[in-house]
N, C-alpha and C. Protein backbone atom coordinates (compact mmCIF):
# COMPACT_ATOMS: atom_id res chain seq x y z
N UNK A 1 -60.65 90.08 54.64
CA UNK A 1 -61.21 88.91 55.27
C UNK A 1 -62.18 89.35 56.36
N UNK A 2 -63.31 88.72 56.43
CA UNK A 2 -64.26 88.99 57.49
C UNK A 2 -64.25 87.84 58.48
N UNK A 3 -64.52 88.14 59.74
CA UNK A 3 -64.58 87.07 60.75
C UNK A 3 -66.02 86.72 61.07
N UNK A 4 -66.94 87.26 60.30
CA UNK A 4 -68.35 87.01 60.56
C UNK A 4 -68.75 85.62 60.08
N UNK A 5 -69.46 84.91 60.94
CA UNK A 5 -70.01 83.61 60.58
C UNK A 5 -71.50 83.81 60.37
N UNK A 6 -72.13 83.00 59.53
CA UNK A 6 -73.57 83.12 59.37
C UNK A 6 -74.28 83.06 60.71
N UNK A 7 -75.28 83.89 60.86
CA UNK A 7 -76.00 83.99 62.13
C UNK A 7 -76.53 82.63 62.58
N UNK A 8 -76.23 82.29 63.81
CA UNK A 8 -76.75 81.05 64.39
C UNK A 8 -75.97 79.82 64.03
N UNK A 9 -75.01 79.91 63.11
CA UNK A 9 -74.24 78.75 62.71
C UNK A 9 -73.23 78.39 63.80
N UNK A 10 -73.13 77.11 64.13
CA UNK A 10 -72.21 76.64 65.16
C UNK A 10 -70.79 76.69 64.60
N UNK A 11 -69.87 77.21 65.40
CA UNK A 11 -68.47 77.32 65.00
C UNK A 11 -67.61 76.47 65.93
N UNK A 12 -66.94 75.48 65.37
CA UNK A 12 -65.98 74.66 66.13
C UNK A 12 -64.58 75.11 65.75
N UNK A 13 -63.81 75.45 66.78
CA UNK A 13 -62.44 75.91 66.55
C UNK A 13 -61.48 74.91 67.19
N UNK A 14 -60.66 74.28 66.39
CA UNK A 14 -59.65 73.34 66.87
C UNK A 14 -58.35 74.13 67.02
N UNK A 15 -57.83 74.18 68.24
CA UNK A 15 -56.61 74.93 68.51
C UNK A 15 -55.49 73.96 68.83
N UNK A 16 -54.43 74.02 68.02
CA UNK A 16 -53.23 73.26 68.33
C UNK A 16 -52.52 73.94 69.49
N UNK A 17 -52.33 73.21 70.59
CA UNK A 17 -51.85 73.85 71.81
C UNK A 17 -50.81 72.99 72.51
N UNK A 18 -49.69 73.62 72.86
CA UNK A 18 -48.67 72.92 73.64
C UNK A 18 -48.11 73.78 74.76
N UNK A 19 -48.74 74.93 74.99
CA UNK A 19 -48.30 75.82 76.06
C UNK A 19 -47.23 76.81 75.64
N UNK A 20 -46.73 76.72 74.42
CA UNK A 20 -45.69 77.62 73.94
C UNK A 20 -46.28 79.00 73.62
N UNK A 21 -45.43 80.01 73.49
CA UNK A 21 -45.96 81.34 73.12
C UNK A 21 -46.79 81.35 71.82
N UNK A 22 -46.36 80.66 70.74
CA UNK A 22 -47.23 80.64 69.55
C UNK A 22 -48.59 79.99 69.82
N UNK A 23 -48.60 78.94 70.64
CA UNK A 23 -49.87 78.27 70.97
C UNK A 23 -50.75 79.17 71.82
N UNK A 24 -50.14 79.91 72.72
CA UNK A 24 -50.88 80.85 73.55
C UNK A 24 -51.54 81.92 72.69
N UNK A 25 -50.80 82.43 71.71
CA UNK A 25 -51.37 83.43 70.78
C UNK A 25 -52.51 82.81 69.96
N UNK A 26 -52.36 81.56 69.57
CA UNK A 26 -53.41 80.89 68.80
C UNK A 26 -54.68 80.76 69.64
N UNK A 27 -54.54 80.40 70.90
CA UNK A 27 -55.71 80.27 71.77
C UNK A 27 -56.38 81.63 71.99
N UNK A 28 -55.57 82.67 72.17
CA UNK A 28 -56.13 84.02 72.30
C UNK A 28 -56.93 84.40 71.05
N UNK A 29 -56.39 84.07 69.88
CA UNK A 29 -57.08 84.37 68.63
C UNK A 29 -58.39 83.60 68.52
N UNK A 30 -58.39 82.35 68.96
CA UNK A 30 -59.60 81.54 68.93
C UNK A 30 -60.68 82.14 69.82
N UNK A 31 -60.28 82.63 70.97
CA UNK A 31 -61.23 83.28 71.89
C UNK A 31 -61.86 84.48 71.20
N UNK A 32 -61.03 85.32 70.57
CA UNK A 32 -61.56 86.49 69.86
C UNK A 32 -62.49 86.09 68.73
N UNK A 33 -62.14 85.03 68.02
CA UNK A 33 -62.95 84.56 66.90
C UNK A 33 -64.31 84.04 67.35
N UNK A 34 -64.36 83.40 68.50
CA UNK A 34 -65.61 82.79 68.97
C UNK A 34 -66.51 83.78 69.71
N UNK A 35 -65.97 84.86 70.21
CA UNK A 35 -66.79 85.83 70.97
C UNK A 35 -68.01 86.26 70.18
N UNK A 36 -69.17 86.18 70.85
CA UNK A 36 -70.42 86.60 70.23
C UNK A 36 -71.02 85.58 69.28
N UNK A 37 -70.42 84.41 69.21
CA UNK A 37 -70.92 83.35 68.33
C UNK A 37 -71.28 82.12 69.16
N UNK A 38 -72.04 81.25 68.54
CA UNK A 38 -72.37 79.97 69.14
C UNK A 38 -71.31 78.98 68.69
N UNK A 39 -70.65 78.33 69.66
CA UNK A 39 -69.62 77.38 69.27
C UNK A 39 -68.82 76.89 70.44
N UNK A 40 -67.69 76.28 70.11
CA UNK A 40 -66.85 75.62 71.11
C UNK A 40 -65.42 75.62 70.62
N UNK A 41 -64.50 75.75 71.57
CA UNK A 41 -63.07 75.63 71.27
C UNK A 41 -62.61 74.26 71.73
N UNK A 42 -62.00 73.52 70.83
CA UNK A 42 -61.40 72.23 71.15
C UNK A 42 -59.90 72.42 71.18
N UNK A 43 -59.33 72.36 72.37
CA UNK A 43 -57.89 72.51 72.53
C UNK A 43 -57.28 71.12 72.38
N UNK A 44 -56.33 71.02 71.46
CA UNK A 44 -55.75 69.70 71.16
C UNK A 44 -54.23 69.77 71.32
N UNK A 45 -53.74 68.95 72.24
CA UNK A 45 -52.30 68.78 72.38
C UNK A 45 -51.93 67.44 71.77
N UNK A 46 -51.10 67.48 70.74
CA UNK A 46 -50.65 66.25 70.10
C UNK A 46 -49.22 66.00 70.57
N UNK A 47 -49.06 65.01 71.43
CA UNK A 47 -47.73 64.62 71.90
C UNK A 47 -47.03 63.89 70.76
N UNK A 48 -45.87 64.37 70.42
CA UNK A 48 -45.16 63.85 69.25
C UNK A 48 -43.82 63.26 69.67
N UNK A 49 -43.58 62.03 69.26
CA UNK A 49 -42.29 61.39 69.50
C UNK A 49 -41.39 61.62 68.29
N UNK A 50 -40.19 62.10 68.53
CA UNK A 50 -39.26 62.30 67.42
C UNK A 50 -38.79 60.95 66.89
N UNK A 51 -38.26 60.96 65.68
CA UNK A 51 -37.82 59.70 65.07
C UNK A 51 -36.65 59.09 65.83
N UNK A 52 -35.83 59.90 66.49
CA UNK A 52 -34.72 59.34 67.26
C UNK A 52 -35.21 58.60 68.49
N UNK A 53 -36.26 59.11 69.12
CA UNK A 53 -36.83 58.45 70.29
C UNK A 53 -37.48 57.13 69.87
N UNK A 54 -38.09 57.12 68.68
CA UNK A 54 -38.79 55.94 68.21
C UNK A 54 -37.85 54.74 68.04
N UNK A 55 -36.55 54.97 67.99
CA UNK A 55 -35.59 53.88 67.81
C UNK A 55 -35.46 53.01 69.06
N UNK A 56 -35.70 53.57 70.21
CA UNK A 56 -35.46 52.86 71.45
C UNK A 56 -36.78 52.59 72.19
N UNK A 57 -37.13 51.31 72.40
CA UNK A 57 -38.37 50.99 73.12
C UNK A 57 -38.38 51.59 74.53
N UNK A 58 -37.24 51.62 75.18
CA UNK A 58 -37.16 52.20 76.52
C UNK A 58 -37.44 53.70 76.49
N UNK A 59 -36.91 54.37 75.49
CA UNK A 59 -37.12 55.82 75.36
C UNK A 59 -38.58 56.12 75.07
N UNK A 60 -39.21 55.28 74.25
CA UNK A 60 -40.63 55.47 73.93
C UNK A 60 -41.46 55.38 75.20
N UNK A 61 -41.23 54.37 76.00
CA UNK A 61 -41.98 54.20 77.24
C UNK A 61 -41.77 55.38 78.19
N UNK A 62 -40.53 55.85 78.27
CA UNK A 62 -40.23 56.98 79.14
C UNK A 62 -40.92 58.26 78.65
N UNK A 63 -40.90 58.48 77.35
CA UNK A 63 -41.54 59.68 76.79
C UNK A 63 -43.06 59.61 76.96
N UNK A 64 -43.65 58.45 76.76
CA UNK A 64 -45.10 58.32 76.94
C UNK A 64 -45.50 58.61 78.38
N UNK A 65 -44.68 58.18 79.33
CA UNK A 65 -44.94 58.48 80.73
C UNK A 65 -44.83 59.98 80.99
N UNK A 66 -43.84 60.61 80.38
CA UNK A 66 -43.69 62.06 80.50
C UNK A 66 -44.90 62.79 79.93
N UNK A 67 -45.40 62.30 78.79
CA UNK A 67 -46.58 62.92 78.18
C UNK A 67 -47.79 62.82 79.10
N UNK A 68 -47.94 61.65 79.75
CA UNK A 68 -49.06 61.48 80.68
C UNK A 68 -48.97 62.47 81.84
N UNK A 69 -47.76 62.76 82.28
CA UNK A 69 -47.57 63.71 83.37
C UNK A 69 -47.78 65.15 82.90
N UNK A 70 -47.40 65.45 81.68
CA UNK A 70 -47.52 66.81 81.14
C UNK A 70 -48.95 67.20 80.77
N UNK A 71 -49.75 66.25 80.36
CA UNK A 71 -51.10 66.56 79.87
C UNK A 71 -51.92 67.40 80.86
N UNK A 72 -51.99 67.04 82.14
CA UNK A 72 -52.76 67.87 83.07
C UNK A 72 -52.19 69.28 83.22
N UNK A 73 -50.88 69.41 83.15
CA UNK A 73 -50.26 70.73 83.25
C UNK A 73 -50.62 71.60 82.06
N UNK A 74 -50.59 71.02 80.88
CA UNK A 74 -50.93 71.77 79.66
C UNK A 74 -52.40 72.14 79.68
N UNK A 75 -53.25 71.21 80.12
CA UNK A 75 -54.68 71.51 80.22
C UNK A 75 -54.92 72.64 81.22
N UNK A 76 -54.25 72.58 82.37
CA UNK A 76 -54.41 73.62 83.38
C UNK A 76 -53.95 74.99 82.87
N UNK A 77 -52.88 75.01 82.10
CA UNK A 77 -52.40 76.26 81.52
C UNK A 77 -53.45 76.85 80.58
N UNK A 78 -54.04 76.00 79.74
CA UNK A 78 -55.09 76.46 78.83
C UNK A 78 -56.30 76.93 79.62
N UNK A 79 -56.67 76.20 80.66
CA UNK A 79 -57.82 76.58 81.48
C UNK A 79 -57.60 77.95 82.11
N UNK A 80 -56.40 78.20 82.59
CA UNK A 80 -56.09 79.51 83.19
C UNK A 80 -56.20 80.62 82.15
N UNK A 81 -55.75 80.33 80.96
CA UNK A 81 -55.83 81.31 79.88
C UNK A 81 -57.28 81.61 79.50
N UNK A 82 -58.16 80.61 79.61
CA UNK A 82 -59.57 80.77 79.25
C UNK A 82 -60.44 81.23 80.42
N UNK A 83 -59.86 81.27 81.62
CA UNK A 83 -60.61 81.63 82.80
C UNK A 83 -61.33 82.97 82.61
N UNK A 84 -62.61 82.97 82.87
CA UNK A 84 -63.40 84.18 82.75
C UNK A 84 -63.92 84.46 81.36
N UNK A 85 -63.56 83.63 80.37
CA UNK A 85 -64.03 83.88 79.00
C UNK A 85 -65.50 83.52 78.82
N UNK A 86 -65.99 82.59 79.63
CA UNK A 86 -67.37 82.15 79.51
C UNK A 86 -67.62 81.28 78.29
N UNK A 87 -66.57 80.87 77.61
CA UNK A 87 -66.73 80.06 76.39
C UNK A 87 -66.74 78.57 76.71
N UNK A 88 -67.44 77.83 75.87
CA UNK A 88 -67.46 76.37 75.97
C UNK A 88 -66.17 75.84 75.34
N UNK A 89 -65.48 74.95 76.05
CA UNK A 89 -64.24 74.43 75.50
C UNK A 89 -63.97 73.02 76.05
N UNK A 90 -63.09 72.32 75.37
CA UNK A 90 -62.66 71.00 75.80
C UNK A 90 -61.18 70.84 75.52
N UNK A 91 -60.60 69.82 76.12
CA UNK A 91 -59.17 69.54 75.95
C UNK A 91 -59.01 68.08 75.56
N UNK A 92 -58.17 67.85 74.58
CA UNK A 92 -57.91 66.48 74.14
C UNK A 92 -56.42 66.30 73.93
N UNK A 93 -55.90 65.18 74.42
CA UNK A 93 -54.50 64.82 74.20
C UNK A 93 -54.45 63.67 73.22
N UNK A 94 -53.66 63.86 72.17
CA UNK A 94 -53.44 62.81 71.19
C UNK A 94 -51.95 62.51 71.14
N UNK A 95 -51.61 61.45 70.44
CA UNK A 95 -50.22 61.13 70.22
C UNK A 95 -50.03 60.80 68.76
N UNK A 96 -48.96 61.31 68.17
CA UNK A 96 -48.69 61.05 66.77
C UNK A 96 -48.15 62.28 66.09
N UNK A 97 -48.46 62.40 64.80
CA UNK A 97 -48.02 63.55 64.03
C UNK A 97 -49.01 64.70 64.23
N UNK A 98 -48.50 65.86 64.49
CA UNK A 98 -49.34 66.99 64.88
C UNK A 98 -50.35 67.37 63.80
N UNK A 99 -49.93 67.59 62.55
CA UNK A 99 -50.94 67.98 61.55
C UNK A 99 -52.05 66.94 61.39
N UNK A 100 -51.67 65.67 61.37
CA UNK A 100 -52.66 64.61 61.20
C UNK A 100 -53.62 64.57 62.37
N UNK A 101 -53.12 64.79 63.58
CA UNK A 101 -53.98 64.80 64.76
C UNK A 101 -54.99 65.93 64.72
N UNK A 102 -54.53 67.13 64.38
CA UNK A 102 -55.44 68.28 64.31
C UNK A 102 -56.48 68.10 63.21
N UNK A 103 -56.05 67.58 62.07
CA UNK A 103 -56.99 67.32 60.96
C UNK A 103 -58.01 66.26 61.36
N UNK A 104 -57.57 65.22 62.06
CA UNK A 104 -58.50 64.17 62.49
C UNK A 104 -59.57 64.73 63.42
N UNK A 105 -59.18 65.58 64.37
CA UNK A 105 -60.16 66.16 65.29
C UNK A 105 -61.13 67.05 64.51
N UNK A 106 -60.60 67.89 63.63
CA UNK A 106 -61.46 68.78 62.84
C UNK A 106 -62.43 67.99 61.98
N UNK A 107 -61.96 66.95 61.34
CA UNK A 107 -62.81 66.12 60.49
C UNK A 107 -63.89 65.43 61.32
N UNK A 108 -63.50 64.92 62.48
CA UNK A 108 -64.46 64.27 63.37
C UNK A 108 -65.55 65.22 63.83
N UNK A 109 -65.18 66.45 64.16
CA UNK A 109 -66.18 67.44 64.57
C UNK A 109 -67.14 67.75 63.42
N UNK A 110 -66.60 67.91 62.24
CA UNK A 110 -67.44 68.18 61.07
C UNK A 110 -68.40 67.04 60.78
N UNK A 111 -67.92 65.81 60.92
CA UNK A 111 -68.77 64.64 60.69
C UNK A 111 -69.86 64.53 61.76
N UNK A 112 -69.53 64.92 62.99
CA UNK A 112 -70.49 64.81 64.10
C UNK A 112 -71.61 65.83 64.01
N UNK A 113 -71.33 66.95 63.39
CA UNK A 113 -72.33 68.01 63.29
C UNK A 113 -72.26 68.61 61.89
N UNK A 114 -72.86 67.95 60.91
CA UNK A 114 -72.82 68.47 59.54
C UNK A 114 -73.44 69.87 59.47
N UNK A 115 -72.88 70.70 58.63
CA UNK A 115 -73.41 72.04 58.46
C UNK A 115 -72.74 73.09 59.32
N UNK A 116 -71.98 72.67 60.31
CA UNK A 116 -71.27 73.64 61.14
C UNK A 116 -70.01 74.10 60.42
N UNK A 117 -69.43 75.18 60.90
CA UNK A 117 -68.15 75.64 60.40
C UNK A 117 -67.07 75.13 61.35
N UNK A 118 -66.05 74.52 60.79
CA UNK A 118 -64.91 74.03 61.57
C UNK A 118 -63.66 74.69 61.03
N UNK A 119 -62.83 75.23 61.92
CA UNK A 119 -61.55 75.80 61.54
C UNK A 119 -60.48 75.31 62.49
N UNK A 120 -59.25 75.31 62.01
CA UNK A 120 -58.09 74.98 62.83
C UNK A 120 -57.31 76.28 63.02
N UNK A 121 -56.91 76.55 64.27
CA UNK A 121 -56.11 77.73 64.58
C UNK A 121 -54.80 77.27 65.22
N UNK A 122 -53.69 77.72 64.65
CA UNK A 122 -52.37 77.38 65.18
C UNK A 122 -51.50 78.62 65.17
N UNK A 123 -50.50 78.61 66.03
CA UNK A 123 -49.51 79.69 66.02
C UNK A 123 -48.42 79.38 65.01
N UNK A 124 -47.85 80.43 64.44
CA UNK A 124 -46.77 80.22 63.47
C UNK A 124 -45.49 79.86 64.20
N UNK A 125 -44.68 79.08 63.54
CA UNK A 125 -43.41 78.66 64.12
C UNK A 125 -42.43 79.83 64.11
N UNK A 126 -41.64 79.92 65.16
CA UNK A 126 -40.63 80.97 65.22
C UNK A 126 -39.26 80.47 64.74
N UNK A 127 -39.20 79.21 64.32
CA UNK A 127 -37.94 78.64 63.85
C UNK A 127 -37.74 78.92 62.36
N UNK A 128 -36.64 79.55 62.01
CA UNK A 128 -36.37 79.89 60.62
C UNK A 128 -36.31 78.64 59.74
N UNK A 129 -35.78 77.54 60.26
CA UNK A 129 -35.66 76.33 59.44
C UNK A 129 -37.04 75.79 59.03
N UNK A 130 -38.06 76.01 59.85
CA UNK A 130 -39.39 75.53 59.51
C UNK A 130 -39.94 76.22 58.27
N UNK A 131 -39.52 77.47 58.05
CA UNK A 131 -40.00 78.18 56.86
C UNK A 131 -39.41 77.58 55.59
N UNK A 132 -38.27 76.92 55.72
CA UNK A 132 -37.59 76.36 54.56
C UNK A 132 -37.96 74.89 54.36
N UNK A 133 -37.88 74.08 55.40
CA UNK A 133 -38.08 72.64 55.26
C UNK A 133 -39.48 72.18 55.63
N UNK A 134 -40.31 73.06 56.11
CA UNK A 134 -41.68 72.68 56.43
C UNK A 134 -41.94 72.66 57.91
N UNK A 135 -43.19 72.71 58.27
CA UNK A 135 -43.59 72.75 59.66
C UNK A 135 -45.02 72.26 59.75
N UNK A 136 -45.54 72.29 60.97
CA UNK A 136 -46.94 71.93 61.19
C UNK A 136 -47.84 72.84 60.36
N UNK A 137 -47.56 74.15 60.38
CA UNK A 137 -48.42 75.08 59.66
C UNK A 137 -48.39 74.84 58.15
N UNK A 138 -47.22 74.55 57.61
CA UNK A 138 -47.12 74.28 56.18
C UNK A 138 -47.90 73.02 55.83
N UNK A 139 -47.74 71.98 56.62
CA UNK A 139 -48.46 70.74 56.37
C UNK A 139 -49.97 70.94 56.47
N UNK A 140 -50.41 71.69 57.48
CA UNK A 140 -51.85 71.96 57.61
C UNK A 140 -52.37 72.74 56.42
N UNK A 141 -51.63 73.76 56.01
CA UNK A 141 -52.06 74.58 54.87
C UNK A 141 -52.19 73.74 53.61
N UNK A 142 -51.37 72.75 53.47
CA UNK A 142 -51.40 71.90 52.26
C UNK A 142 -52.46 70.80 52.32
N UNK A 143 -52.75 70.29 53.51
CA UNK A 143 -53.56 69.07 53.58
C UNK A 143 -54.90 69.19 54.31
N UNK A 144 -55.15 70.28 55.01
CA UNK A 144 -56.37 70.37 55.80
C UNK A 144 -57.61 70.53 54.93
N UNK A 145 -58.65 69.75 55.24
CA UNK A 145 -59.91 69.89 54.50
C UNK A 145 -60.77 71.04 55.02
N UNK A 146 -60.34 71.69 56.12
CA UNK A 146 -61.06 72.81 56.69
C UNK A 146 -60.13 74.02 56.69
N UNK A 147 -60.69 75.22 56.81
CA UNK A 147 -59.83 76.41 56.84
C UNK A 147 -58.85 76.37 58.00
N UNK A 148 -57.66 76.91 57.75
CA UNK A 148 -56.60 76.99 58.75
C UNK A 148 -56.25 78.45 58.97
N UNK A 149 -56.23 78.87 60.21
CA UNK A 149 -55.81 80.22 60.57
C UNK A 149 -54.46 80.10 61.26
N UNK A 150 -53.47 80.78 60.70
CA UNK A 150 -52.13 80.75 61.28
C UNK A 150 -51.89 82.11 61.92
N UNK A 151 -51.72 82.10 63.22
CA UNK A 151 -51.56 83.33 63.99
C UNK A 151 -50.08 83.67 64.10
N UNK A 152 -49.68 84.89 63.70
CA UNK A 152 -48.26 85.26 63.78
C UNK A 152 -47.77 85.34 65.22
């Protein structure tokens, strides 16, 4: 596999990020991938409500408030990680299912700038059960219309 992009082609990298060690590795990989190229890193945190929380309206409201409080912290963590990189980047917080959110951002970027290369970069899950019953990475690999890079 080569990491070379056609000369002058804009590269948009969508990074699934939640501040976890796999997400941190994914952001590091995105930085390496973009170095020396024209492009931008879009850091996307998709706040996800579990099905058990969805049962209780009070729990949903409490979790949404928690997400609002966490978003600046997660953005600040990503900013610190990117400090000194000199790369163009943005942060977006979504709510819903993680694979669908990342795919929506990637599709939107591709639609906004036809002809560019768009990729999604995520960290691999460290949970053994995800390898058996599925995970964000498995869902992305099956459904993403753009290339997906899964960082170990």
